[in-house]
């Protein structure tokens, strides 16, 4: 979903079929004897091929994301449409439900590795496809013109920031991410260490020669590993042996993004967050409730058997008394205390007969002291409430000697026990004294 629905700026390369060069999702059981390129399906997701139709709420995003284990791994230079490395992947059995959020908020961006996507290593200094790019890292610094400042530290290569993050929605964990670039496609932002795909999927082609651009091949990868800035991936490579060979096995999803060619949109300057607006990509897997645990590095001390474990603090959350300064609950309760009616015009529905005069001070706690003053500060009457069964107190609009008060403005001071104090300005216009019985 797009935060700005009027600007669906993100699209992608939709999946094709058979020997189409955009047949990058290999759901189904189709087979092909062609030896020049591998067009065979993975023989998974064979019923309805639902994973070829993800994100179908927009026609521009349908079929642009898929489970990593279902994607084409044909990476020979003459083919060029592979988006996954050849691995002994377990397929789609353990893929999680994920939310991928792309956002201009740089505080939420993901530290990640950038992978080389050029098939012909002779064009990129001998770097093989899916190796970490041999380009100075971008560590988030920007110059006065808004351009990235790359690291000058020897050996600091391959790192950048993805403008967003991924969440395992089953465990709540943040996940590692990677993105790709084709260094040879400099005209399509393929060598700037920024995730900024263009809108071009293919360049002009002649006969069977198709020049695959895929927006500069800024593929997005979500790894089913708790977020550690790709540290585990680096450790697996450095360890050599079987762990290095299996380093792609826990990749969960891949997206092949493009800038939507049907929308007049472009990336913003880095200082403004680069992406035009926030996008949320939801991929939900139906599975029975069960106990899951996170993937982890064998060198990491395991807590709670790998099952979710969270810490929180109750600091500054202790209960406060209503009378404490700054207690919003206290202020709300004081705001509810009123004298009714106000103003008083000689009569109220509370009065029982023609001799009765009465106003109420309402919404009081069990204990309260109500003091009525004239404007010159003289105490007219003091009332005490000590009854938890009612929330009001009556005043007969008389002074402490039971004489009627004069018309005018009065100040009613309420001391609400355990809550605080409030002053109410009250006006009364008294009716003439009834002398019928005199």
Foldseek 3Di string as FASTA:
>chain_A
DFPPVVCPFKFFQQADADPDLRPFFQPAADADPDPVWGRGWPHHNHPVVCQSQAPVVDVRHGRQKGWQLRTAQTLAQQRQSYDHHDAPAPGAPDFFWKKWKAFLPVVAWAKAFEFARHSDCVLQVNHHGRDTHFDFEFPQDADPVLATDGDPDPPRDGIYIGRTWMARVVARFTFHKYWYFHCNPVVLVRNRRYQFFAADQWDDADDPRTHGPLRRRGKMWTFQAGGDSCPLLVVQCVVDDPSVRCSCRRTTMIGRMYGHPVGPDGFDRSVSSGHPRMDMRTDHDDDDDDFDFGDDDPVDDDPPNRGDDDDDDCPPVDDDFLADPPDPVLVVLQVPWDKPPFAAEADDPVADDNQFAKIKTFSAAQWKKKWKAAPVGDTFDIDIGHHRVGGMDMDRCHGPVRHHDAFAWMWIWMQGPRRGIDIDIGGYHHDDHDPPPD
